[in-house]
């Protein structure tokens, strides 16, 4: 039977696969809706699905006893991470948006390193991420610095999501923590969306898309994330997440016909090599 660490790695990889497929579908939907509306669709349906899936109404009697500081930061991080990422996704190729976002968990991994070998794998990841950005052709490719800023902001809140996710999982409320975070994030986005006259709740033709994205982007990956965070360190989680740009590039190529250069593909394989290295290092320590 696979050990707990191996299963945690499997959970994380499945989480990233599901998330990157959903990002491609979300980007297609952005041809009809703005990024905030797509985010709200995803968060709204995800909160319903997760609450029903885990029967989270059972946790209501415990709400007054919970240490809300970590839970609120976890919820805020989840909401801002998703909102900023979708803004960046509308401006950048999927692989580049995810690559820049990944600097958040990578920074957290840097702060958590304990061995020289860990530093080597993280530096290798940084080289791969630098090679991903087409520095010599930014003007020609209409590179969006606003999109890049949103992606970096999403990465910052991704780091908070990892850090406080490890705290929240210790609250002994299980997956209900995810339900609470999704409901709070959705409640924050709804009034903003109403002020912007978003059509998401008045045009049912978008709802099926929202449900599909919610399942692939939230219900599946965030549940798997919480399972993975039980057994992965910040270093391991942060560097393993470097597979996200690789999977994002493949997803963008398959679903969106986004073409990457040979240098960018080489950078993706460097990142993948570093992720494998940190996995073996952590497992054998």
Protein backbone atom coordinates (compact mmCIF):
# COMPACT_ATOMS: atom_id res chain seq x y z
CA UNK A 1 0.00 0.00 0.00
CA UNK A 2 1.44 3.43 -0.91
CA UNK A 3 2.83 5.40 2.03
CA UNK A 4 1.21 8.65 3.12
CA UNK A 5 3.84 10.87 1.53
CA UNK A 6 3.46 9.23 -1.88
CA UNK A 7 -0.31 9.55 -1.67
CA UNK A 8 0.06 13.22 -0.74
CA UNK A 9 2.14 13.76 -3.89
CA UNK A 10 -0.51 11.95 -5.97
CA UNK A 11 -3.24 14.15 -4.45
CA UNK A 12 -1.29 17.28 -5.34
CA UNK A 13 -0.64 16.22 -8.95
CA UNK A 14 -4.32 15.35 -9.49
CA UNK A 15 -5.23 18.70 -7.94
CA UNK A 16 -3.00 20.58 -10.41
CA UNK A 17 -4.29 18.61 -13.41
CA UNK A 18 -7.88 19.42 -12.54
CA UNK A 19 -7.12 23.08 -11.86
CA UNK A 20 -5.25 23.69 -15.13
CA UNK A 21 -8.01 22.11 -17.20
CA UNK A 22 -10.50 24.40 -15.48
CA UNK A 23 -8.30 27.45 -16.17
CA UNK A 24 -8.42 26.73 -19.92
CA UNK A 25 -12.20 26.46 -19.81
CA UNK A 26 -12.42 29.66 -17.73
CA UNK A 27 -10.29 31.54 -20.26
CA UNK A 28 -12.64 30.44 -23.03
CA UNK A 29 -15.59 31.75 -20.97
CA UNK A 30 -13.82 35.11 -20.60
CA UNK A 31 -14.58 35.72 -24.26
CA UNK A 32 -18.16 36.35 -23.08
CA UNK A 33 -17.76 37.43 -19.44
CA UNK A 34 -15.30 39.58 -17.50
CA UNK A 35 -12.79 37.97 -15.13
CA UNK A 36 -14.65 38.99 -11.96
CA UNK A 37 -17.88 37.42 -13.22
CA UNK A 38 -16.12 34.17 -14.08
CA UNK A 39 -14.51 34.14 -10.62
CA UNK A 40 -17.88 34.66 -8.94
CA UNK A 41 -19.52 31.90 -11.01
CA UNK A 42 -16.79 29.52 -9.98
CA UNK A 43 -16.80 30.46 -6.28
CA UNK A 44 -20.59 30.49 -5.97
CA UNK A 45 -21.17 27.04 -7.43
CA UNK A 46 -18.08 25.65 -5.72
CA UNK A 47 -19.37 26.77 -2.33
CA UNK A 48 -22.71 25.04 -2.97
CA UNK A 49 -21.08 21.84 -4.21
CA UNK A 50 -18.54 21.62 -1.38
CA UNK A 51 -21.09 22.41 1.34
CA UNK A 52 -23.41 19.65 0.08
CA UNK A 53 -20.56 17.21 -0.57
CA UNK A 54 -19.21 17.50 2.98
CA UNK A 55 -22.59 18.30 4.64
CA UNK A 56 -20.98 21.36 6.14
CA UNK A 57 -24.10 22.56 7.91
CA UNK A 58 -22.95 20.18 10.67
CA UNK A 59 -20.18 22.60 11.59
CA UNK A 60 -22.53 25.53 12.32
CA UNK A 61 -22.76 24.77 16.09
CA UNK A 62 -18.95 24.94 16.31
CA UNK A 63 -18.55 28.30 14.56
CA UNK A 64 -18.48 30.36 17.76
CA UNK A 65 -15.68 28.21 19.18
CA UNK A 66 -13.35 28.39 16.18
CA UNK A 67 -10.12 30.47 16.22
CA UNK A 68 -11.23 32.80 13.43
CA UNK A 69 -7.96 34.64 12.80
CA UNK A 70 -6.35 31.86 10.73
CA UNK A 71 -9.64 30.88 9.12
CA UNK A 72 -10.39 34.43 7.97
CA UNK A 73 -6.92 34.91 6.48
CA UNK A 74 -7.21 31.52 4.76
CA UNK A 75 -10.60 32.55 3.32
CA UNK A 76 -9.38 35.96 2.19
CA UNK A 77 -6.28 34.43 0.62
CA UNK A 78 -8.36 31.90 -1.29
CA UNK A 79 -10.70 34.59 -2.65
CA UNK A 80 -7.98 37.05 -3.67
CA UNK A 81 -5.76 34.34 -5.12
CA UNK A 82 -8.53 33.25 -7.47
CA UNK A 83 -9.72 36.73 -8.41
CA UNK A 84 -6.26 38.03 -9.26
CA UNK A 85 -5.34 34.87 -11.14
CA UNK A 86 -8.40 35.12 -13.38
CA UNK A 87 -7.57 38.77 -14.11
CA UNK A 88 -4.07 37.68 -15.15
CA UNK A 89 -5.42 34.76 -17.17
CA UNK A 90 -7.41 37.17 -19.30
CA UNK A 91 -4.21 39.08 -20.17
CA UNK A 92 -1.46 36.44 -20.45
CA UNK A 93 -0.93 32.97 -21.95
CA UNK A 94 -1.96 30.37 -19.40
CA UNK A 95 1.53 28.90 -18.91
CA UNK A 96 3.11 32.31 -18.27
CA UNK A 97 0.30 33.42 -15.93
CA UNK A 98 0.73 30.28 -13.84
CA UNK A 99 4.53 30.52 -13.99
CA UNK A 100 4.52 34.04 -12.54
CA UNK A 101 1.89 33.10 -9.96
CA UNK A 102 4.10 30.28 -8.82
CA UNK A 103 6.67 32.75 -7.46
CA UNK A 104 4.43 32.97 -4.36
CA UNK A 105 4.74 29.36 -3.17
CA UNK A 106 8.32 29.33 -4.40
CA UNK A 107 9.12 32.26 -2.09
CA UNK A 108 7.50 30.36 0.78
CA UNK A 109 9.65 27.36 -0.08
CA UNK A 110 12.77 29.57 0.04
CA UNK A 111 11.86 30.69 3.55
CA UNK A 112 11.39 27.07 4.63
CA UNK A 113 14.52 25.39 3.28
CA UNK A 114 16.55 23.31 5.73
CA UNK A 115 19.02 21.49 3.45
CA UNK A 116 21.50 22.64 0.82
CA UNK A 117 19.94 20.27 -1.71
CA UNK A 118 16.56 21.99 -1.24
CA UNK A 119 18.16 25.30 -2.21
CA UNK A 120 19.60 23.73 -5.38
CA UNK A 121 16.20 22.50 -6.58
CA UNK A 122 14.55 25.84 -5.85
CA UNK A 123 17.28 27.78 -7.69
CA UNK A 124 16.82 25.43 -10.66
CA UNK A 125 13.11 26.26 -10.55
CA UNK A 126 13.87 29.99 -10.56
CA UNK A 127 16.03 29.57 -13.68
CA UNK A 128 13.16 27.74 -15.37
CA UNK A 129 10.68 30.47 -14.44
CA UNK A 130 12.99 33.22 -15.74
CA UNK A 131 13.34 31.41 -19.06
CA UNK A 132 9.58 31.16 -19.36
CA UNK A 133 9.12 34.90 -19.88
CA UNK A 134 9.93 36.02 -23.48
CA UNK A 135 12.01 39.01 -22.37
CA UNK A 136 13.31 39.86 -25.87
CA UNK A 137 9.83 39.89 -27.43
CA UNK A 138 7.64 41.55 -24.80
CA UNK A 139 6.52 44.40 -27.08
CA UNK A 140 5.91 42.14 -30.06
CA UNK A 141 3.82 39.75 -27.97
CA UNK A 142 1.90 42.60 -26.27
CA UNK A 143 3.00 41.34 -22.87
CA UNK A 144 0.62 42.71 -20.25
CA UNK A 145 2.36 44.15 -17.21
CA UNK A 146 -1.06 44.54 -15.54
CA UNK A 147 -1.64 40.83 -16.09
CA UNK A 148 1.84 40.09 -14.72
CA UNK A 149 1.15 42.21 -11.62
CA UNK A 150 -2.14 40.37 -11.04
CA UNK A 151 -0.37 37.04 -11.45
CA UNK A 152 2.33 38.01 -8.94
CA UNK A 153 -0.37 39.20 -6.53
CA UNK A 154 -2.17 35.89 -6.93
CA UNK A 155 1.13 34.18 -6.11
CA UNK A 156 1.48 36.18 -2.92
CA UNK A 157 -1.96 35.08 -1.74
CA UNK A 158 -1.20 31.53 -2.89
CA UNK A 159 1.67 31.55 -0.37
CA UNK A 160 -0.72 32.73 2.35
CA UNK A 161 -3.19 30.04 1.25
CA UNK A 162 -0.51 27.35 1.75
CA UNK A 163 0.74 28.71 5.07
CA UNK A 164 -2.68 29.22 6.65
CA UNK A 165 -4.07 26.08 5.01
CA UNK A 166 -1.59 24.10 7.10
CA UNK A 167 -2.91 25.88 10.19
CA UNK A 168 -6.57 25.51 9.27
CA UNK A 169 -6.25 21.77 8.71
CA UNK A 170 -5.32 21.49 12.42
CA UNK A 171 -8.63 23.00 13.58
CA UNK A 172 -10.31 19.57 13.68
CA UNK A 173 -13.16 20.59 11.40
CA UNK A 174 -11.82 18.71 8.38
CA UNK A 175 -13.07 19.76 4.95
CA UNK A 176 -15.58 22.13 6.55
CA UNK A 177 -12.74 24.66 6.62
CA UNK A 178 -12.85 24.74 2.82
CA UNK A 179 -16.64 25.17 2.86
CA UNK A 180 -16.37 28.13 5.23
CA UNK A 181 -13.62 29.74 3.13
CA UNK A 182 -15.61 29.38 -0.10
CA UNK A 183 -18.79 30.79 1.42
CA UNK A 184 -16.95 33.80 2.88
CA UNK A 185 -15.11 34.47 -0.39
CA UNK A 186 -18.35 34.27 -2.37
CA UNK A 187 -20.12 36.59 0.07
CA UNK A 188 -17.32 39.12 -0.45
CA UNK A 189 -17.54 38.95 -4.27
CA UNK A 190 -21.34 39.11 -4.67
CA UNK A 191 -21.85 42.81 -3.73
CA UNK A 192 -18.92 43.84 -5.94
CA UNK A 193 -20.40 41.89 -8.83
CA UNK A 194 -23.85 43.43 -8.27
CA UNK A 195 -22.36 46.93 -8.36
CA UNK A 196 -20.74 46.06 -11.70
CA UNK A 197 -24.08 44.75 -13.04
CA UNK A 198 -22.64 41.32 -13.75
CA UNK A 199 -24.97 39.07 -15.79
CA UNK A 200 -23.96 35.85 -14.04
CA UNK A 201 -27.16 35.41 -12.04
CA UNK A 202 -29.57 36.74 -14.69
CA UNK A 203 -28.29 34.64 -17.61
CA UNK A 204 -28.73 30.91 -16.84
CA UNK A 205 -26.83 29.95 -20.00
CA UNK A 206 -23.61 30.64 -18.08
CA UNK A 207 -24.50 28.44 -15.10
CA UNK A 208 -23.50 25.10 -16.59
CA UNK A 209 -20.09 26.54 -17.46
CA UNK A 210 -19.81 27.84 -13.91
CA UNK A 211 -20.65 24.44 -12.42
CA UNK A 212 -18.08 22.67 -14.61
CA UNK A 213 -15.35 25.18 -13.73
CA UNK A 214 -16.31 25.03 -10.04
CA UNK A 215 -15.94 21.25 -9.93
CA UNK A 216 -12.61 21.20 -11.79
CA UNK A 217 -11.11 24.34 -10.23
CA UNK A 218 -12.33 24.26 -6.67
CA UNK A 219 -14.27 21.26 -5.40
CA UNK A 220 -11.71 18.71 -6.62
CA UNK A 221 -8.33 20.49 -6.29
CA UNK A 222 -8.90 22.29 -2.99
CA UNK A 223 -10.18 19.13 -1.34
CA UNK A 224 -7.10 17.30 -2.59
CA UNK A 225 -4.90 20.21 -1.48
CA UNK A 226 -6.07 19.92 2.11
CA UNK A 227 -5.38 16.19 2.06
CA UNK A 228 -1.91 16.81 0.63
CA UNK A 229 -1.07 19.55 3.15
CA UNK A 230 -1.44 17.04 5.98
CA UNK A 231 1.74 15.26 4.88
CA UNK A 232 3.78 17.74 2.79
CA UNK A 233 6.12 20.40 4.14
CA UNK A 234 6.07 23.97 2.80
CA UNK A 235 9.25 23.21 0.84
CA UNK A 236 7.83 20.07 -0.72
CA UNK A 237 4.42 21.57 -1.49
CA UNK A 238 5.85 24.80 -2.85
CA UNK A 239 8.37 23.17 -5.16
CA UNK A 240 6.08 20.35 -6.29
CA UNK A 241 3.61 23.05 -7.29
CA UNK A 242 6.18 24.07 -9.90
CA UNK A 243 4.58 21.41 -12.07
CA UNK A 244 1.63 23.81 -12.41
CA UNK A 245 3.24 25.91 -15.21
CA UNK A 246 4.08 22.71 -17.08
CA UNK A 247 0.53 21.44 -16.86
CA UNK A 248 -0.79 24.92 -17.64
CA UNK A 249 1.28 25.11 -20.82
CA UNK A 250 0.05 21.71 -21.99
CA UNK A 251 -3.54 22.64 -21.16
CA UNK A 252 -3.23 25.99 -22.96
CA UNK A 253 -1.75 24.23 -25.98
CA UNK A 254 -4.46 21.56 -26.10
CA UNK A 255 -7.55 23.66 -25.33
CA UNK A 256 -6.53 27.19 -26.37
CA UNK A 257 -3.91 26.59 -29.10
CA UNK A 258 -1.39 28.72 -27.19
CA UNK A 259 2.05 28.06 -28.68
CA UNK A 260 5.23 28.27 -26.60
CA UNK A 261 8.80 28.69 -27.85
CA UNK A 262 11.50 26.03 -27.55
CA UNK A 263 13.12 28.06 -24.75
CA UNK A 264 9.85 28.11 -22.85
CA UNK A 265 9.39 24.36 -23.26
CA UNK A 266 12.96 23.85 -22.01
CA UNK A 267 12.17 26.02 -18.99
CA UNK A 268 9.12 23.88 -18.25
CA UNK A 269 11.18 20.70 -18.25
CA UNK A 270 13.73 22.34 -15.92
CA UNK A 271 10.89 23.10 -13.54
CA UNK A 272 9.58 19.55 -13.79
CA UNK A 273 13.08 18.16 -13.11
CA UNK A 274 13.36 20.34 -10.00
CA UNK A 275 9.96 19.14 -8.78
CA UNK A 276 11.04 15.52 -9.13
CA UNK A 277 14.29 16.31 -7.31
CA UNK A 278 12.61 17.93 -4.33
CA UNK A 279 10.12 15.07 -4.13
CA UNK A 280 12.86 12.43 -3.91
CA UNK A 281 14.85 14.58 -1.48
CA UNK A 282 11.88 15.04 0.85
CA UNK A 283 10.84 11.39 0.65
CA UNK A 284 14.32 10.11 1.53
CA UNK A 285 14.97 12.56 4.36
